[in-house]
Amino acid sequence: MKYKIRINPVVISDVQEIKAYIAEDNPQAAARMGNTIYSKIKKLADFPKMGTSISSKINTQTDYRFLVCGVYLIFRASAQSCLAFGNAKGGTSPTCLKSSA
């Protein structure tokens, strides 16, 4: 069963900011990163349980999962909605947060 992907407008804005920042030095790399992020998000339609459960990393029960995408983490809410939402600036909401790795 293919799920519908809903991407929060904040995520779209964040990805545009990421691409603009990278494009200052390398426009081709910026396009690749944007495509990579969206490709990972779109894969959730076919594989809604893809990614690591946050419950496996912290001692709390939650449906949230995350995917690693370069130096970014993509968080999603539930298998039913495959909701991706974000703040690439490392804010407090679970989003496309910058990874420390």
N, C-alpha and C. Protein backbone atom coordinates (compact mmCIF):
# COMPACT_ATOMS: atom_id res chain seq x y z
N MET A 1 0.83 -1.18 0.00
CA MET A 1 0.00 0.00 0.00
C MET A 1 0.88 1.25 0.00
N LYS A 2 0.63 2.13 -0.91
CA LYS A 2 1.40 3.37 -1.01
C LYS A 2 0.71 4.44 -0.16
N TYR A 3 1.48 5.10 0.70
CA TYR A 3 0.95 6.15 1.56
C TYR A 3 1.12 7.51 0.91
N LYS A 4 0.26 8.43 1.31
CA LYS A 4 0.37 9.80 0.83
C LYS A 4 1.37 10.54 1.71
N ILE A 5 2.28 11.25 1.08
CA ILE A 5 3.29 12.02 1.80
C ILE A 5 2.79 13.46 1.91
N ARG A 6 2.81 13.98 3.12
CA ARG A 6 2.50 15.40 3.35
C ARG A 6 3.74 16.05 3.93
N ILE A 7 4.25 17.02 3.22
CA ILE A 7 5.46 17.71 3.69
C ILE A 7 5.04 19.08 4.22
N ASN A 8 5.37 19.32 5.47
CA ASN A 8 5.06 20.59 6.09
C ASN A 8 5.73 21.71 5.31
N PRO A 9 5.03 22.84 5.08
CA PRO A 9 5.65 23.96 4.36
C PRO A 9 6.95 24.44 4.99
N VAL A 10 7.10 24.26 6.30
CA VAL A 10 8.35 24.65 6.96
C VAL A 10 9.51 23.81 6.44
N VAL A 11 9.26 22.52 6.17
CA VAL A 11 10.30 21.66 5.61
C VAL A 11 10.72 22.17 4.24
N ILE A 12 9.75 22.50 3.42
CA ILE A 12 10.06 23.01 2.07
C ILE A 12 10.93 24.26 2.17
N SER A 13 10.55 25.16 3.06
CA SER A 13 11.33 26.38 3.27
C SER A 13 12.74 26.05 3.78
N ASP A 14 12.83 25.11 4.71
CA ASP A 14 14.14 24.72 5.25
C ASP A 14 15.04 24.13 4.18
N VAL A 15 14.48 23.27 3.34
CA VAL A 15 15.28 22.66 2.27
C VAL A 15 15.74 23.74 1.29
N GLN A 16 14.87 24.71 1.00
CA GLN A 16 15.27 25.81 0.13
C GLN A 16 16.42 26.61 0.75
N GLU A 17 16.37 26.82 2.07
CA GLU A 17 17.45 27.54 2.75
C GLU A 17 18.75 26.74 2.71
N ILE A 18 18.64 25.43 2.92
CA ILE A 18 19.83 24.56 2.85
C ILE A 18 20.45 24.66 1.46
N LYS A 19 19.60 24.54 0.44
CA LYS A 19 20.10 24.61 -0.93
C LYS A 19 20.73 25.96 -1.23
N ALA A 20 20.11 27.04 -0.77
CA ALA A 20 20.66 28.38 -1.02
C ALA A 20 22.02 28.54 -0.36
N TYR A 21 22.15 28.03 0.85
CA TYR A 21 23.42 28.13 1.58
C TYR A 21 24.52 27.34 0.85
N ILE A 22 24.21 26.12 0.46
CA ILE A 22 25.20 25.29 -0.24
C ILE A 22 25.52 25.89 -1.60
N ALA A 23 24.51 26.46 -2.28
CA ALA A 23 24.69 27.01 -3.63
C ALA A 23 25.66 28.18 -3.66
N GLU A 24 25.85 28.83 -2.52
CA GLU A 24 26.82 29.94 -2.48
C GLU A 24 28.21 29.45 -2.89
N ASP A 25 28.52 28.20 -2.55
CA ASP A 25 29.83 27.63 -2.90
C ASP A 25 29.76 26.64 -4.06
N ASN A 26 28.63 25.92 -4.16
CA ASN A 26 28.56 24.85 -5.16
C ASN A 26 27.10 24.59 -5.55
N PRO A 27 26.63 25.24 -6.62
CA PRO A 27 25.24 25.08 -7.04
C PRO A 27 24.85 23.63 -7.37
N GLN A 28 25.78 22.88 -7.95
CA GLN A 28 25.48 21.48 -8.28
C GLN A 28 25.28 20.65 -7.02
N ALA A 29 26.12 20.86 -6.01
CA ALA A 29 25.98 20.14 -4.75
C ALA A 29 24.68 20.52 -4.05
N ALA A 30 24.28 21.77 -4.19
CA ALA A 30 23.02 22.23 -3.59
C ALA A 30 21.84 21.49 -4.21
N ALA A 31 21.83 21.37 -5.52
CA ALA A 31 20.76 20.65 -6.21
C ALA A 31 20.75 19.18 -5.80
N ARG A 32 21.94 18.57 -5.70
CA ARG A 32 22.02 17.17 -5.29
C ARG A 32 21.47 16.97 -3.88
N MET A 33 21.83 17.86 -2.96
CA MET A 33 21.35 17.73 -1.58
C MET A 33 19.84 17.86 -1.52
N GLY A 34 19.29 18.84 -2.21
CA GLY A 34 17.83 18.99 -2.24
C GLY A 34 17.16 17.75 -2.79
N ASN A 35 17.69 17.21 -3.89
CA ASN A 35 17.13 15.99 -4.48
C ASN A 35 17.25 14.81 -3.54
N THR A 36 18.36 14.71 -2.84
CA THR A 36 18.57 13.61 -1.89
C THR A 36 17.56 13.67 -0.75
N ILE A 37 17.36 14.86 -0.18
CA ILE A 37 16.41 15.02 0.92
C ILE A 37 15.00 14.64 0.46
N TYR A 38 14.56 15.18 -0.68
CA TYR A 38 13.21 14.88 -1.16
C TYR A 38 13.06 13.41 -1.55
N SER A 39 14.11 12.81 -2.10
CA SER A 39 14.04 11.38 -2.46
C SER A 39 13.82 10.52 -1.22
N LYS A 40 14.54 10.84 -0.13
CA LYS A 40 14.37 10.08 1.12
C LYS A 40 12.94 10.23 1.64
N ILE A 41 12.44 11.46 1.62
CA ILE A 41 11.08 11.69 2.11
C ILE A 41 10.07 10.93 1.25
N LYS A 42 10.24 10.97 -0.07
CA LYS A 42 9.30 10.29 -0.97
C LYS A 42 9.31 8.77 -0.80
N LYS A 43 10.46 8.21 -0.40
CA LYS A 43 10.53 6.76 -0.19
C LYS A 43 9.61 6.30 0.94
N LEU A 44 9.27 7.22 1.84
CA LEU A 44 8.35 6.88 2.93
C LEU A 44 6.98 6.44 2.41
N ALA A 45 6.60 6.87 1.21
CA ALA A 45 5.31 6.46 0.64
C ALA A 45 5.26 4.95 0.45
N ASP A 46 6.36 4.36 0.04
CA ASP A 46 6.42 2.91 -0.18
C ASP A 46 6.91 2.15 1.04
N PHE A 47 7.72 2.80 1.86
CA PHE A 47 8.31 2.14 3.03
C PHE A 47 8.10 3.00 4.28
N PRO A 48 6.86 3.05 4.78
CA PRO A 48 6.55 3.96 5.88
C PRO A 48 7.26 3.64 7.19
N LYS A 49 7.76 2.44 7.34
CA LYS A 49 8.48 2.10 8.58
C LYS A 49 9.99 2.23 8.41
N MET A 50 10.41 2.83 7.30
CA MET A 50 11.82 3.05 7.03
C MET A 50 12.38 4.01 8.07
N GLY A 51 13.60 3.81 8.45
CA GLY A 51 14.24 4.69 9.40
C GLY A 51 14.34 4.05 10.77
N THR A 52 14.95 4.77 11.68
CA THR A 52 15.18 4.29 13.03
C THR A 52 14.12 4.83 13.97
N SER A 53 13.60 3.97 14.82
CA SER A 53 12.63 4.40 15.82
C SER A 53 13.33 5.24 16.87
N ILE A 54 12.72 6.36 17.20
CA ILE A 54 13.29 7.20 18.26
C ILE A 54 13.25 6.45 19.59
N SER A 55 12.25 5.58 19.75
CA SER A 55 12.14 4.79 20.98
C SER A 55 13.37 3.92 21.21
N SER A 56 14.07 3.56 20.13
CA SER A 56 15.28 2.76 20.29
C SER A 56 16.46 3.59 20.77
N LYS A 57 16.33 4.91 20.72
CA LYS A 57 17.42 5.80 21.11
C LYS A 57 17.18 6.49 22.45
N ILE A 58 15.90 6.68 22.80
CA ILE A 58 15.57 7.31 24.08
C ILE A 58 14.53 6.46 24.79
N ASN A 59 14.45 6.59 26.08
CA ASN A 59 13.57 5.75 26.87
C ASN A 59 12.16 6.34 26.93
N THR A 60 11.45 6.32 25.81
CA THR A 60 10.07 6.78 25.75
C THR A 60 9.37 6.09 24.59
N GLN A 61 8.10 5.88 24.73
CA GLN A 61 7.32 5.23 23.67
C GLN A 61 6.80 6.30 22.71
N THR A 62 7.12 6.17 21.45
CA THR A 62 6.68 7.13 20.44
C THR A 62 6.63 6.46 19.08
N ASP A 63 5.82 7.01 18.18
CA ASP A 63 5.75 6.52 16.80
C ASP A 63 6.76 7.21 15.90
N TYR A 64 7.46 8.22 16.41
CA TYR A 64 8.41 8.95 15.59
C TYR A 64 9.58 8.07 15.15
N ARG A 65 9.99 8.30 13.91
CA ARG A 65 11.15 7.63 13.34
C ARG A 65 11.99 8.70 12.65
N PHE A 66 13.25 8.38 12.39
CA PHE A 66 14.07 9.34 11.66
C PHE A 66 14.94 8.64 10.63
N LEU A 67 15.28 9.40 9.61
CA LEU A 67 16.16 8.94 8.53
C LEU A 67 17.38 9.86 8.50
N VAL A 68 18.52 9.29 8.23
CA VAL A 68 19.74 10.09 8.08
C VAL A 68 19.87 10.47 6.61
N CYS A 69 20.14 11.74 6.39
CA CYS A 69 20.31 12.25 5.03
C CYS A 69 21.49 13.21 5.03
N GLY A 70 22.65 12.69 4.71
CA GLY A 70 23.85 13.52 4.79
C GLY A 70 24.09 13.91 6.23
N VAL A 71 24.20 15.21 6.49
CA VAL A 71 24.39 15.70 7.85
C VAL A 71 23.06 16.10 8.49
N TYR A 72 21.95 15.74 7.85
CA TYR A 72 20.62 16.09 8.34
C TYR A 72 19.86 14.84 8.78
N LEU A 73 18.92 15.06 9.70
CA LEU A 73 18.01 13.99 10.12
C LEU A 73 16.61 14.40 9.69
N ILE A 74 15.89 13.47 9.09
CA ILE A 74 14.51 13.71 8.67
C ILE A 74 13.62 12.93 9.62
N PHE A 75 12.75 13.63 10.33
CA PHE A 75 11.84 12.99 11.27
C PHE A 75 10.47 12.86 10.64
N ARG A 76 9.77 11.78 11.02
CA ARG A 76 8.40 11.62 10.55
C ARG A 76 7.56 11.08 11.70
N ALA A 77 6.26 11.36 11.62
CA ALA A 77 5.37 11.10 12.75
C ALA A 77 4.89 9.66 12.80
N SER A 78 4.02 9.24 11.90
CA SER A 78 3.43 7.90 12.01
C SER A 78 3.36 7.22 10.66
N ALA A 79 3.23 5.91 10.70
CA ALA A 79 3.15 5.14 9.45
C ALA A 79 1.88 5.47 8.69
N GLN A 80 0.83 5.87 9.39
CA GLN A 80 -0.42 6.19 8.72
C GLN A 80 -0.32 7.48 7.90
N SER A 81 0.34 8.48 8.43
CA SER A 81 0.35 9.76 7.73
C SER A 81 1.65 10.04 6.99
N CYS A 82 2.73 9.38 7.38
CA CYS A 82 4.05 9.66 6.78
C CYS A 82 4.30 11.16 6.71
N LEU A 83 4.06 11.82 7.80
CA LEU A 83 4.22 13.27 7.86
C LEU A 83 5.68 13.62 8.09
N ALA A 84 6.24 14.38 7.19
CA ALA A 84 7.61 14.87 7.36
C ALA A 84 7.51 16.35 7.70
N PHE A 85 8.21 16.79 8.72
CA PHE A 85 8.14 18.19 9.09
C PHE A 85 9.49 18.66 9.56
N GLY A 86 9.76 19.96 9.46
CA GLY A 86 11.12 20.31 9.74
C GLY A 86 11.51 21.71 10.10
N ASN A 87 12.71 21.78 10.62
CA ASN A 87 13.41 23.01 10.94
C ASN A 87 14.90 22.71 10.84
N ALA A 88 15.49 23.00 9.72
CA ALA A 88 16.88 22.62 9.47
C ALA A 88 17.88 23.44 10.28
N LYS A 89 17.40 24.39 11.07
CA LYS A 89 18.31 25.25 11.83
C LYS A 89 18.64 24.67 13.19
N GLY A 90 18.18 23.46 13.48
CA GLY A 90 18.50 22.86 14.76
C GLY A 90 17.62 23.35 15.88
N GLY A 91 16.38 23.76 15.56
CA GLY A 91 15.43 24.21 16.57
C GLY A 91 14.95 23.05 17.43
N THR A 92 14.01 23.32 18.30
CA THR A 92 13.57 22.31 19.25
C THR A 92 12.54 21.35 18.67
N SER A 93 11.88 21.69 17.58
CA SER A 93 10.88 20.77 17.04
C SER A 93 11.57 19.63 16.30
N PRO A 94 11.03 18.41 16.37
CA PRO A 94 11.65 17.29 15.65
C PRO A 94 11.48 17.48 14.16
N THR A 95 12.57 17.67 13.45
CA THR A 95 12.49 18.09 12.08
C THR A 95 13.72 17.67 11.30
N CYS A 96 14.03 18.37 10.27
CA CYS A 96 15.26 18.13 9.53
C CYS A 96 16.39 18.79 10.32
N LEU A 97 16.74 18.21 11.43
CA LEU A 97 17.75 18.82 12.30
C LEU A 97 19.15 18.47 11.81
N LYS A 98 20.09 19.37 12.00
CA LYS A 98 21.47 19.06 11.66
C LYS A 98 22.00 18.01 12.61
N SER A 99 22.66 17.02 12.07
CA SER A 99 23.25 15.97 12.88
C SER A 99 24.62 16.40 13.35
N SER A 100 25.05 15.87 14.49
CA SER A 100 26.39 16.20 14.97
C SER A 100 27.45 15.34 14.31
N ALA A 101 27.04 14.33 13.56
CA ALA A 101 27.99 13.43 12.90
C ALA A 101 28.49 14.01 11.61
